[in-house]
């Protein structure tokens, strides 16, 4: 893959990941969020298809990069979920203690 192809793929992948994460944490209704994610994915897919057709990137390189980025995104999402779950559990514990103190 040419250096320009790698740069292009990196930019597209980073934009996709940022858009998806931003949309997932946005306070929109589920249907609105799904619609926005679908549009973003379609736009990115169109850009990638155009790049492939122009010969800027190969399908094997795209597969390798996409797999790597998907794993990174999955790890980040899991980490954020675990962090939020831990905070929720801590908040619940504090609330339970306060309720028990009030009842005692």
PDB file of N, CA and C in Angstrom:
ATOM      1  N   UNK A   1       0.858  -1.169   0.000  1.00  0.00           N
ATOM      2  CA  UNK A   1       0.000   0.000   0.000  1.00  0.00           C
ATOM      3  C   UNK A   1       0.896   1.222   0.000  1.00  0.00           C
ATOM      4  N   UNK A   2       0.522   2.200  -0.783  1.00  0.00           N
ATOM      5  CA  UNK A   2       1.311   3.417  -0.831  1.00  0.00           C
ATOM      6  C   UNK A   2       1.145   4.198   0.461  1.00  0.00           C
ATOM      7  N   UNK A   3       2.087   5.087   0.693  1.00  0.00           N
ATOM      8  CA  UNK A   3       2.030   5.914   1.893  1.00  0.00           C
ATOM      9  C   UNK A   3       0.759   6.760   1.908  1.00  0.00           C
ATOM     10  N   UNK A   4       0.365   7.285   0.741  1.00  0.00           N
ATOM     11  CA  UNK A   4      -0.868   8.079   0.661  1.00  0.00           C
ATOM     12  C   UNK A   4      -2.078   7.237   1.015  1.00  0.00           C
ATOM     13  N   UNK A   5      -2.077   5.978   0.578  1.00  0.00           N
ATOM     14  CA  UNK A   5      -3.184   5.078   0.897  1.00  0.00           C
ATOM     15  C   UNK A   5      -3.279   4.819   2.381  1.00  0.00           C
ATOM     16  N   UNK A   6      -2.126   4.649   3.024  1.00  0.00           N
ATOM     17  CA  UNK A   6      -2.118   4.416   4.473  1.00  0.00           C
ATOM     18  C   UNK A   6      -2.626   5.644   5.224  1.00  0.00           C
ATOM     19  N   UNK A   7      -2.194   6.798   4.785  1.00  0.00           N
ATOM     20  CA  UNK A   7      -2.641   8.036   5.430  1.00  0.00           C
ATOM     21  C   UNK A   7      -4.145   8.202   5.251  1.00  0.00           C
ATOM     22  N   UNK A   8      -4.620   7.980   4.031  1.00  0.00           N
ATOM     23  CA  UNK A   8      -6.053   8.099   3.759  1.00  0.00           C
ATOM     24  C   UNK A   8      -6.843   7.133   4.625  1.00  0.00           C
ATOM     25  N   UNK A   9      -6.409   5.878   4.658  1.00  0.00           N
ATOM     26  CA  UNK A   9      -7.118   4.871   5.442  1.00  0.00           C
ATOM     27  C   UNK A   9      -7.093   5.223   6.929  1.00  0.00           C
ATOM     28  N   UNK A  10      -5.978   5.710   7.413  1.00  0.00           N
ATOM     29  CA  UNK A  10      -5.889   6.112   8.817  1.00  0.00           C
ATOM     30  C   UNK A  10      -6.841   7.247   9.151  1.00  0.00           C
ATOM     31  N   UNK A  11      -6.922   8.213   8.268  1.00  0.00           N
ATOM     32  CA  UNK A  11      -7.824   9.348   8.494  1.00  0.00           C
ATOM     33  C   UNK A  11      -9.277   8.897   8.478  1.00  0.00           C
ATOM     34  N   UNK A  12      -9.631   8.077   7.500  1.00  0.00           N
ATOM     35  CA  UNK A  12     -11.012   7.596   7.398  1.00  0.00           C
ATOM     36  C   UNK A  12     -11.374   6.755   8.614  1.00  0.00           C
ATOM     37  N   UNK A  13     -10.462   5.882   9.014  1.00  0.00           N
ATOM     38  CA  UNK A  13     -10.729   5.014  10.161  1.00  0.00           C
ATOM     39  C   UNK A  13     -10.867   5.824  11.444  1.00  0.00           C
ATOM     40  N   UNK A  14      -9.983   6.772  11.642  1.00  0.00           N
ATOM     41  CA  UNK A  14     -10.059   7.608  12.844  1.00  0.00           C
ATOM     42  C   UNK A  14     -11.348   8.425  12.860  1.00  0.00           C
ATOM     43  N   UNK A  15     -11.724   8.943  11.717  1.00  0.00           N
ATOM     44  CA  UNK A  15     -12.972   9.711  11.638  1.00  0.00           C
ATOM     45  C   UNK A  15     -14.169   8.824  11.947  1.00  0.00           C
ATOM     46  N   UNK A  16     -14.138   7.613  11.432  1.00  0.00           N
ATOM     47  CA  UNK A  16     -15.246   6.682  11.684  1.00  0.00           C
ATOM     48  C   UNK A  16     -15.344   6.344  13.158  1.00  0.00           C
ATOM     49  N   UNK A  17     -14.219   6.012  13.748  1.00  0.00           N
ATOM     50  CA  UNK A  17     -14.221   5.654  15.169  1.00  0.00           C
ATOM     51  C   UNK A  17     -14.697   6.828  16.023  1.00  0.00           C
ATOM     52  N   UNK A  18     -14.204   8.002  15.741  1.00  0.00           N
ATOM     53  CA  UNK A  18     -14.620   9.183  16.500  1.00  0.00           C
ATOM     54  C   UNK A  18     -16.096   9.479  16.337  1.00  0.00           C
ATOM     55  N   UNK A  19     -16.589   9.343  15.130  1.00  0.00           N
ATOM     56  CA  UNK A  19     -18.011   9.609  14.881  1.00  0.00           C
ATOM     57  C   UNK A  19     -18.894   8.612  15.610  1.00  0.00           C
ATOM     58  N   UNK A  20     -18.526   7.345  15.539  1.00  0.00           N
ATOM     59  CA  UNK A  20     -19.337   6.313  16.193  1.00  0.00           C
ATOM     60  C   UNK A  20     -19.325   6.498  17.703  1.00  0.00           C
ATOM     61  N   UNK A  21     -18.169   6.726  18.290  1.00  0.00           N
ATOM     62  CA  UNK A  21     -18.091   6.918  19.741  1.00  0.00           C
ATOM     63  C   UNK A  21     -18.877   8.165  20.147  1.00  0.00           C
ATOM     64  N   UNK A  22     -18.726   9.238  19.392  1.00  0.00           N
ATOM     65  CA  UNK A  22     -19.471  10.460  19.697  1.00  0.00           C
ATOM     66  C   UNK A  22     -20.970  10.253  19.633  1.00  0.00           C
ATOM     67  N   UNK A  23     -21.413   9.528  18.638  1.00  0.00           N
ATOM     68  CA  UNK A  23     -22.850   9.276  18.502  1.00  0.00           C
ATOM     69  C   UNK A  23     -23.372   8.366  19.600  1.00  0.00           C
ATOM     70  N   UNK A  24     -22.573   7.388  19.995  1.00  0.00           N
ATOM     71  CA  UNK A  24     -23.026   6.456  21.023  1.00  0.00           C
ATOM     72  C   UNK A  24     -23.190   7.134  22.381  1.00  0.00           C
ATOM     73  N   UNK A  25     -22.428   8.181  22.630  1.00  0.00           N
ATOM     74  CA  UNK A  25     -22.528   8.875  23.908  1.00  0.00           C
ATOM     75  C   UNK A  25     -23.371  10.148  23.819  1.00  0.00           C
ATOM     76  N   UNK A  26     -23.973  10.389  22.653  1.00  0.00           N
ATOM     77  CA  UNK A  26     -24.837  11.561  22.481  1.00  0.00           C
ATOM     78  C   UNK A  26     -26.193  11.291  23.125  1.00  0.00           C
ATOM     79  N   UNK A  27     -26.845  12.339  23.603  1.00  0.00           N
ATOM     80  CA  UNK A  27     -28.121  12.159  24.303  1.00  0.00           C
ATOM     81  C   UNK A  27     -29.338  12.097  23.369  1.00  0.00           C
ATOM     82  N   UNK A  28     -29.185  11.548  22.164  1.00  0.00           N
ATOM     83  CA  UNK A  28     -30.302  11.428  21.233  1.00  0.00           C
ATOM     84  C   UNK A  28     -31.108  10.169  21.518  1.00  0.00           C
ATOM     85  N   UNK A  29     -32.316  10.121  20.933  1.00  0.00           N
ATOM     86  CA  UNK A  29     -33.126   8.914  21.024  1.00  0.00           C
ATOM     87  C   UNK A  29     -32.414   7.800  20.257  1.00  0.00           C
ATOM     88  N   UNK A  30     -32.710   6.568  20.620  1.00  0.00           N
ATOM     89  CA  UNK A  30     -32.077   5.419  19.978  1.00  0.00           C
ATOM     90  C   UNK A  30     -32.257   5.382  18.472  1.00  0.00           C
ATOM     91  N   UNK A  31     -33.461   5.686  18.012  1.00  0.00           N
ATOM     92  CA  UNK A  31     -33.705   5.648  16.567  1.00  0.00           C
ATOM     93  C   UNK A  31     -32.900   6.727  15.847  1.00  0.00           C
ATOM     94  N   UNK A  32     -32.788   7.903  16.456  1.00  0.00           N
ATOM     95  CA  UNK A  32     -31.990   8.976  15.853  1.00  0.00           C
ATOM     96  C   UNK A  32     -30.516   8.590  15.801  1.00  0.00           C
ATOM     97  N   UNK A  33     -30.024   8.026  16.897  1.00  0.00           N
ATOM     98  CA  UNK A  33     -28.620   7.624  16.960  1.00  0.00           C
ATOM     99  C   UNK A  33     -28.328   6.546  15.929  1.00  0.00           C
ATOM    100  N   UNK A  34     -29.206   5.544  15.842  1.00  0.00           N
ATOM    101  CA  UNK A  34     -28.989   4.477  14.860  1.00  0.00           C
ATOM    102  C   UNK A  34     -28.991   5.034  13.438  1.00  0.00           C
ATOM    103  N   UNK A  35     -29.876   5.980  13.175  1.00  0.00           N
ATOM    104  CA  UNK A  35     -29.911   6.604  11.853  1.00  0.00           C
ATOM    105  C   UNK A  35     -28.626   7.349  11.539  1.00  0.00           C
ATOM    106  N   UNK A  36     -28.109   8.070  12.528  1.00  0.00           N
ATOM    107  CA  UNK A  36     -26.859   8.812  12.331  1.00  0.00           C
ATOM    108  C   UNK A  36     -25.685   7.864  12.124  1.00  0.00           C
ATOM    109  N   UNK A  37     -25.633   6.783  12.917  1.00  0.00           N
ATOM    110  CA  UNK A  37     -24.554   5.804  12.767  1.00  0.00           C
ATOM    111  C   UNK A  37     -24.627   5.176  11.379  1.00  0.00           C
ATOM    112  N   UNK A  38     -25.826   4.824  10.943  1.00  0.00           N
ATOM    113  CA  UNK A  38     -25.998   4.212   9.623  1.00  0.00           C
ATOM    114  C   UNK A  38     -25.512   5.151   8.527  1.00  0.00           C
ATOM    115  N   UNK A  39     -25.863   6.437   8.629  1.00  0.00           N
ATOM    116  CA  UNK A  39     -25.432   7.403   7.618  1.00  0.00           C
ATOM    117  C   UNK A  39     -23.911   7.537   7.615  1.00  0.00           C
ATOM    118  N   UNK A  40     -23.308   7.632   8.806  1.00  0.00           N
ATOM    119  CA  UNK A  40     -21.851   7.743   8.902  1.00  0.00           C
ATOM    120  C   UNK A  40     -21.171   6.528   8.282  1.00  0.00           C
ATOM    121  N   UNK A  41     -21.674   5.347   8.611  1.00  0.00           N
ATOM    122  CA  UNK A  41     -21.078   4.116   8.085  1.00  0.00           C
ATOM    123  C   UNK A  41     -21.201   4.082   6.565  1.00  0.00           C
ATOM    124  N   UNK A  42     -22.359   4.456   6.044  1.00  0.00           N
ATOM    125  CA  UNK A  42     -22.543   4.474   4.589  1.00  0.00           C
ATOM    126  C   UNK A  42     -21.612   5.475   3.919  1.00  0.00           C
ATOM    127  N   UNK A  43     -21.457   6.651   4.506  1.00  0.00           N
ATOM    128  CA  UNK A  43     -20.558   7.662   3.948  1.00  0.00           C
ATOM    129  C   UNK A  43     -19.114   7.163   3.936  1.00  0.00           C
ATOM    130  N   UNK A  44     -18.702   6.559   5.032  1.00  0.00           N
ATOM    131  CA  UNK A  44     -17.331   6.049   5.128  1.00  0.00           C
ATOM    132  C   UNK A  44     -17.125   4.902   4.152  1.00  0.00           C
ATOM    133  N   UNK A  45     -18.115   4.017   4.043  1.00  0.00           N
ATOM    134  CA  UNK A  45     -18.016   2.902   3.097  1.00  0.00           C
ATOM    135  C   UNK A  45     -17.878   3.423   1.667  1.00  0.00           C
ATOM    136  N   UNK A  46     -18.615   4.470   1.334  1.00  0.00           N
ATOM    137  CA  UNK A  46     -18.507   5.065  -0.002  1.00  0.00           C
ATOM    138  C   UNK A  46     -17.102   5.606  -0.250  1.00  0.00           C
ATOM    139  N   UNK A  47     -16.540   6.292   0.735  1.00  0.00           N
ATOM    140  CA  UNK A  47     -15.183   6.838   0.598  1.00  0.00           C
ATOM    141  C   UNK A  47     -14.156   5.722   0.423  1.00  0.00           C
ATOM    142  N   UNK A  48     -14.304   4.659   1.189  1.00  0.00           N
ATOM    143  CA  UNK A  48     -13.366   3.535   1.087  1.00  0.00           C
ATOM    144  C   UNK A  48     -13.499   2.871  -0.275  1.00  0.00           C
ATOM    145  N   UNK A  49     -14.722   2.672  -0.737  1.00  0.00           N
ATOM    146  CA  UNK A  49     -14.945   2.062  -2.045  1.00  0.00           C
ATOM    147  C   UNK A  49     -14.313   2.896  -3.153  1.00  0.00           C
ATOM    148  N   UNK A  50     -14.468   4.207  -3.073  1.00  0.00           N
ATOM    149  CA  UNK A  50     -13.853   5.088  -4.068  1.00  0.00           C
ATOM    150  C   UNK A  50     -12.330   4.945  -4.046  1.00  0.00           C
ATOM    151  N   UNK A  51     -11.756   4.868  -2.847  1.00  0.00           N
ATOM    152  CA  UNK A  51     -10.300   4.736  -2.726  1.00  0.00           C
ATOM    153  C   UNK A  51      -9.830   3.404  -3.297  1.00  0.00           C
ATOM    154  N   UNK A  52     -10.588   2.346  -3.045  1.00  0.00           N
ATOM    155  CA  UNK A  52     -10.222   1.030  -3.583  1.00  0.00           C
ATOM    156  C   UNK A  52     -10.274   1.069  -5.106  1.00  0.00           C
ATOM    157  N   UNK A  53     -11.331   1.661  -5.643  1.00  0.00           N
ATOM    158  CA  UNK A  53     -11.483   1.732  -7.094  1.00  0.00           C
ATOM    159  C   UNK A  53     -10.370   2.553  -7.739  1.00  0.00           C
ATOM    160  N   UNK A  54      -9.882   3.547  -7.043  1.00  0.00           N
ATOM    161  CA  UNK A  54      -8.791   4.362  -7.569  1.00  0.00           C
ATOM    162  C   UNK A  54      -7.439   3.692  -7.344  1.00  0.00           C
ATOM    163  N   UNK A  55      -7.424   2.560  -6.650  1.00  0.00           N
ATOM    164  CA  UNK A  55      -6.187   1.825  -6.428  1.00  0.00           C
ATOM    165  C   UNK A  55      -5.326   2.381  -5.316  1.00  0.00           C
ATOM    166  N   UNK A  56      -5.893   3.250  -4.491  1.00  0.00           N
ATOM    167  CA  UNK A  56      -5.102   3.827  -3.407  1.00  0.00           C
ATOM    168  C   UNK A  56      -4.846   2.816  -2.299  1.00  0.00           C
ATOM    169  N   UNK A  57      -5.775   1.907  -2.098  1.00  0.00           N
ATOM    170  CA  UNK A  57      -5.601   0.901  -1.053  1.00  0.00           C
ATOM    171  C   UNK A  57      -6.051  -0.451  -1.587  1.00  0.00           C
ATOM    172  N   UNK A  58      -5.462  -1.514  -1.067  1.00  0.00           N
ATOM    173  CA  UNK A  58      -5.846  -2.862  -1.476  1.00  0.00           C
ATOM    174  C   UNK A  58      -6.821  -3.439  -0.460  1.00  0.00           C
ATOM    175  N   UNK A  59      -7.580  -4.430  -0.885  1.00  0.00           N
ATOM    176  CA  UNK A  59      -8.556  -5.043   0.011  1.00  0.00           C
ATOM    177  C   UNK A  59      -7.880  -5.738   1.187  1.00  0.00           C
ATOM    178  N   UNK A  60      -6.736  -6.374   0.948  1.00  0.00           N
ATOM    179  CA  UNK A  60      -6.028  -7.041   2.052  1.00  0.00           C
ATOM    180  C   UNK A  60      -5.568  -6.032   3.095  1.00  0.00           C
ATOM    181  N   UNK A  61      -5.030  -4.920   2.632  1.00  0.00           N
ATOM    182  CA  UNK A  61      -4.602  -3.877   3.570  1.00  0.00           C
ATOM    183  C   UNK A  61      -5.797  -3.312   4.328  1.00  0.00           C
ATOM    184  N   UNK A  62      -6.895  -3.129   3.617  1.00  0.00           N
ATOM    185  CA  UNK A  62      -8.104  -2.608   4.239  1.00  0.00           C
ATOM    186  C   UNK A  62      -8.602  -3.565   5.313  1.00  0.00           C
ATOM    187  N   UNK A  63      -8.604  -4.849   5.010  1.00  0.00           N
ATOM    188  CA  UNK A  63      -9.064  -5.853   5.974  1.00  0.00           C
ATOM    189  C   UNK A  63      -8.188  -5.839   7.221  1.00  0.00           C
ATOM    190  N   UNK A  64      -6.888  -5.810   7.023  1.00  0.00           N
ATOM    191  CA  UNK A  64      -5.955  -5.808   8.155  1.00  0.00           C
ATOM    192  C   UNK A  64      -6.151  -4.568   9.020  1.00  0.00           C
ATOM    193  N   UNK A  65      -6.213  -3.421   8.383  1.00  0.00           N
ATOM    194  CA  UNK A  65      -6.384  -2.168   9.125  1.00  0.00           C
ATOM    195  C   UNK A  65      -7.736  -2.121   9.826  1.00  0.00           C
ATOM    196  N   UNK A  66      -8.790  -2.550   9.124  1.00  0.00           N
ATOM    197  CA  UNK A  66     -10.133  -2.513   9.711  1.00  0.00           C
ATOM    198  C   UNK A  66     -10.228  -3.440  10.909  1.00  0.00           C
ATOM    199  N   UNK A  67      -9.639  -4.618  10.802  1.00  0.00           N
ATOM    200  CA  UNK A  67      -9.659  -5.564  11.919  1.00  0.00           C
ATOM    201  C   UNK A  67      -8.941  -4.980  13.122  1.00  0.00           C
ATOM    202  N   UNK A  68      -7.796  -4.388  12.885  1.00  0.00           N
ATOM    203  CA  UNK A  68      -7.026  -3.781  13.969  1.00  0.00           C
ATOM    204  C   UNK A  68      -7.796  -2.633  14.620  1.00  0.00           C
ATOM    205  N   UNK A  69      -8.354  -1.766  13.805  1.00  0.00           N
ATOM    206  CA  UNK A  69      -9.095  -0.624  14.342  1.00  0.00           C
ATOM    207  C   UNK A  69     -10.354  -1.077  15.070  1.00  0.00           C
ATOM    208  N   UNK A  70     -11.012  -2.115  14.551  1.00  0.00           N
ATOM    209  CA  UNK A  70     -12.217  -2.627  15.211  1.00  0.00           C
ATOM    210  C   UNK A  70     -11.873  -3.184  16.590  1.00  0.00           C
ATOM    211  N   UNK A  71     -10.762  -3.889  16.688  1.00  0.00           N
ATOM    212  CA  UNK A  71     -10.326  -4.416  17.982  1.00  0.00           C
ATOM    213  C   UNK A  71     -10.015  -3.276  18.952  1.00  0.00           C
ATOM    214  N   UNK A  72      -9.335  -2.252  18.458  1.00  0.00           N
ATOM    215  CA  UNK A  72      -9.030  -1.092  19.302  1.00  0.00           C
ATOM    216  C   UNK A  72     -10.314  -0.423  19.788  1.00  0.00           C
ATOM    217  N   UNK A  73     -11.256  -0.246  18.879  1.00  0.00           N
ATOM    218  CA  UNK A  73     -12.524   0.388  19.228  1.00  0.00           C
ATOM    219  C   UNK A  73     -13.290  -0.458  20.234  1.00  0.00           C
ATOM    220  N   UNK A  74     -13.286  -1.764  20.037  1.00  0.00           N
ATOM    221  CA  UNK A  74     -13.963  -2.671  20.964  1.00  0.00           C
ATOM    222  C   UNK A  74     -13.333  -2.583  22.352  1.00  0.00           C
ATOM    223  N   UNK A  75     -12.003  -2.556  22.396  1.00  0.00           N
ATOM    224  CA  UNK A  75     -11.309  -2.451  23.681  1.00  0.00           C
ATOM    225  C   UNK A  75     -11.633  -1.129  24.383  1.00  0.00           C
ATOM    226  N   UNK A  76     -11.668  -0.047  23.629  1.00  0.00           N
ATOM    227  CA  UNK A  76     -11.991   1.254  24.220  1.00  0.00           C
ATOM    228  C   UNK A  76     -13.425   1.285  24.736  1.00  0.00           C
ATOM    229  N   UNK A  77     -14.337   0.713  23.961  1.00  0.00           N
ATOM    230  CA  UNK A  77     -15.738   0.677  24.385  1.00  0.00           C
ATOM    231  C   UNK A  77     -15.892  -0.176  25.641  1.00  0.00           C
ATOM    232  N   UNK A  78     -15.219  -1.312  25.693  1.00  0.00           N
ATOM    233  CA  UNK A  78     -15.280  -2.195  26.864  1.00  0.00           C
ATOM    234  C   UNK A  78     -14.706  -1.473  28.084  1.00  0.00           C
ATOM    235  N   UNK A  79     -13.594  -0.789  27.905  1.00  0.00           N
ATOM    236  CA  UNK A  79     -12.969  -0.059  29.000  1.00  0.00           C
ATOM    237  C   UNK A  79     -13.902   1.030  29.528  1.00  0.00           C
ATOM    238  N   UNK A  80     -14.523   1.773  28.627  1.00  0.00           N
ATOM    239  CA  UNK A  80     -15.447   2.839  29.033  1.00  0.00           C
ATOM    240  C   UNK A  80     -16.651   2.245  29.751  1.00  0.00           C
ATOM    241  N   UNK A  81     -17.180   1.129  29.241  1.00  0.00           N
ATOM    242  CA  UNK A  81     -18.308   0.463  29.880  1.00  0.00           C
ATOM    243  C   UNK A  81     -17.931   0.020  31.287  1.00  0.00           C
ATOM    244  N   UNK A  82     -16.759  -0.618  31.426  1.00  0.00           N
ATOM    245  CA  UNK A  82     -16.313  -1.080  32.741  1.00  0.00           C
ATOM    246  C   UNK A  82     -16.152   0.092  33.709  1.00  0.00           C
ATOM    247  N   UNK A  83     -15.610   1.196  33.204  1.00  0.00           N
ATOM    248  CA  UNK A  83     -15.431   2.391  34.034  1.00  0.00           C
ATOM    249  C   UNK A  83     -16.781   2.926  34.517  1.00  0.00           C
ATOM    250  N   UNK A  84     -17.733   3.033  33.602  1.00  0.00           N
ATOM    251  CA  UNK A  84     -19.059   3.534  33.967  1.00  0.00           C
ATOM    252  C   UNK A  84     -19.779   2.578  34.906  1.00  0.00           C
ATOM    253  N   UNK A  85     -19.611   1.280  34.685  1.00  0.00           N
ATOM    254  CA  UNK A  85     -20.235   0.289  35.558  1.00  0.00           C
ATOM    255  C   UNK A  85     -19.660   0.391  36.968  1.00  0.00           C
ATOM    256  N   UNK A  86     -18.358   0.556  37.072  1.00  0.00           N
ATOM    257  CA  UNK A  86     -17.712   0.685  38.374  1.00  0.00           C
ATOM    258  C   UNK A  86     -18.206   1.935  39.108  1.00  0.00           C
ATOM    259  N   UNK A  87     -18.312   3.040  38.382  1.00  0.00           N
ATOM    260  CA  UNK A  87     -18.810   4.274  38.997  1.00  0.00           C
ATOM    261  C   UNK A  87     -20.250   4.107  39.469  1.00  0.00           C
ATOM    262  N   UNK A  88     -21.058   3.416  38.677  1.00  0.00           N
ATOM    263  CA  UNK A  88     -22.453   3.189  39.058  1.00  0.00           C
ATOM    264  C   UNK A  88     -22.530   2.325  40.311  1.00  0.00           C
ATOM    265  N   UNK A  89     -21.690   1.304  40.384  1.00  0.00           N
ATOM    266  CA  UNK A  89     -21.675   0.443  41.566  1.00  0.00           C
ATOM    267  C   UNK A  89     -21.228   1.221  42.801  1.00  0.00           C
ATOM    268  N   UNK A  90     -20.213   2.054  42.645  1.00  0.00           N
ATOM    269  CA  UNK A  90     -19.744   2.874  43.765  1.00  0.00           C
ATOM    270  C   UNK A  90     -20.842   3.826  44.242  1.00  0.00           C
ATOM    271  N   UNK A  91     -21.528   4.440  43.306  1.00  0.00           N
ATOM    272  CA  UNK A  91     -22.618   5.355  43.651  1.00  0.00           C
ATOM    273  C   UNK A  91     -23.734   4.611  44.368  1.00  0.00           C
ATOM    274  N   UNK A  92     -24.048   3.417  43.905  1.00  0.00           N
ATOM    275  CA  UNK A  92     -25.091   2.610  44.548  1.00  0.00           C
ATOM    276  C   UNK A  92     -24.680   2.236  45.966  1.00  0.00           C
ATOM    277  N   UNK A  93     -23.414   1.888  46.165  1.00  0.00           N
ATOM    278  CA  UNK A  93     -22.931   1.549  47.509  1.00  0.00           C
ATOM    279  C   UNK A  93     -23.050   2.739  48.457  1.00  0.00           C
ATOM    280  N   UNK A  94     -22.668   3.915  47.990  1.00  0.00           N
ATOM    281  CA  UNK A  94     -22.766   5.121  48.814  1.00  0.00           C
ATOM    282  C   UNK A  94     -24.227   5.396  49.156  1.00  0.00           C
ATOM    283  N   UNK A  95     -25.105   5.250  48.183  1.00  0.00           N
ATOM    284  CA  UNK A  95     -26.532   5.491  48.424  1.00  0.00           C
ATOM    285  C   UNK A  95     -27.087   4.500  49.443  1.00  0.00           C
ATOM    286  N   UNK A  96     -26.692   3.239  49.342  1.00  0.00           N
ATOM    287  CA  UNK A  96     -27.156   2.224  50.298  1.00  0.00           C
ATOM    288  C   UNK A  96     -26.702   2.567  51.714  1.00  0.00           C
ATOM    289  N   UNK A  97     -25.443   2.990  51.844  1.00  0.00           N
ATOM    290  CA  UNK A  97     -24.918   3.344  53.162  1.00  0.00           C
ATOM    291  C   UNK A  97     -25.699   4.515  53.758  1.00  0.00           C
ATOM    292  N   UNK A  98     -25.981   5.515  52.939  1.00  0.00           N
ATOM    293  CA  UNK A  98     -26.714   6.681  53.437  1.00  0.00           C
ATOM    294  C   UNK A  98     -28.130   6.303  53.850  1.00  0.00           C
ATOM    295  N   UNK A  99     -28.769   5.448  53.080  1.00  0.00           N
ATOM    296  CA  UNK A  99     -30.121   5.004  53.431  1.00  0.00           C
ATOM    297  C   UNK A  99     -30.083   4.224  54.735  1.00  0.00           C
ATOM    298  N   UNK A 100     -29.117   3.331  54.868  1.00  0.00           N
ATOM    299  CA  UNK A 100     -28.993   2.544  56.100  1.00  0.00           C
ATOM    300  C   UNK A 100     -28.705   3.433  57.308  1.00  0.00           C
ATOM    301  N   UNK A 101     -27.882   4.473  57.108  1.00  0.00           N
ATOM    302  CA  UNK A 101     -27.592   5.403  58.202  1.00  0.00           C
ATOM    303  C   UNK A 101     -28.852   6.163  58.608  1.00  0.00           C
ATOM    304  N   UNK A 102     -29.643   6.551  57.643  1.00  0.00           N
ATOM    305  CA  UNK A 102     -30.877   7.279  57.934  1.00  0.00           C
ATOM    306  C   UNK A 102     -31.887   6.393  58.655  1.00  0.00           C
ATOM    307  N   UNK A 103     -31.900   5.116  58.321  1.00  0.00           N
ATOM    308  CA  UNK A 103     -32.845   4.189  58.937  1.00  0.00           C
ATOM    309  C   UNK A 103     -32.397   3.723  60.316  1.00  0.00           C
ATOM    310  N   UNK A 104     -31.126   3.869  60.619  1.00  0.00           N
ATOM    311  CA  UNK A 104     -30.606   3.390  61.912  1.00  0.00           C
ATOM    312  C   UNK A 104     -30.914   4.335  63.032  1.00  0.00           C
TER     313      UNK A 104
END
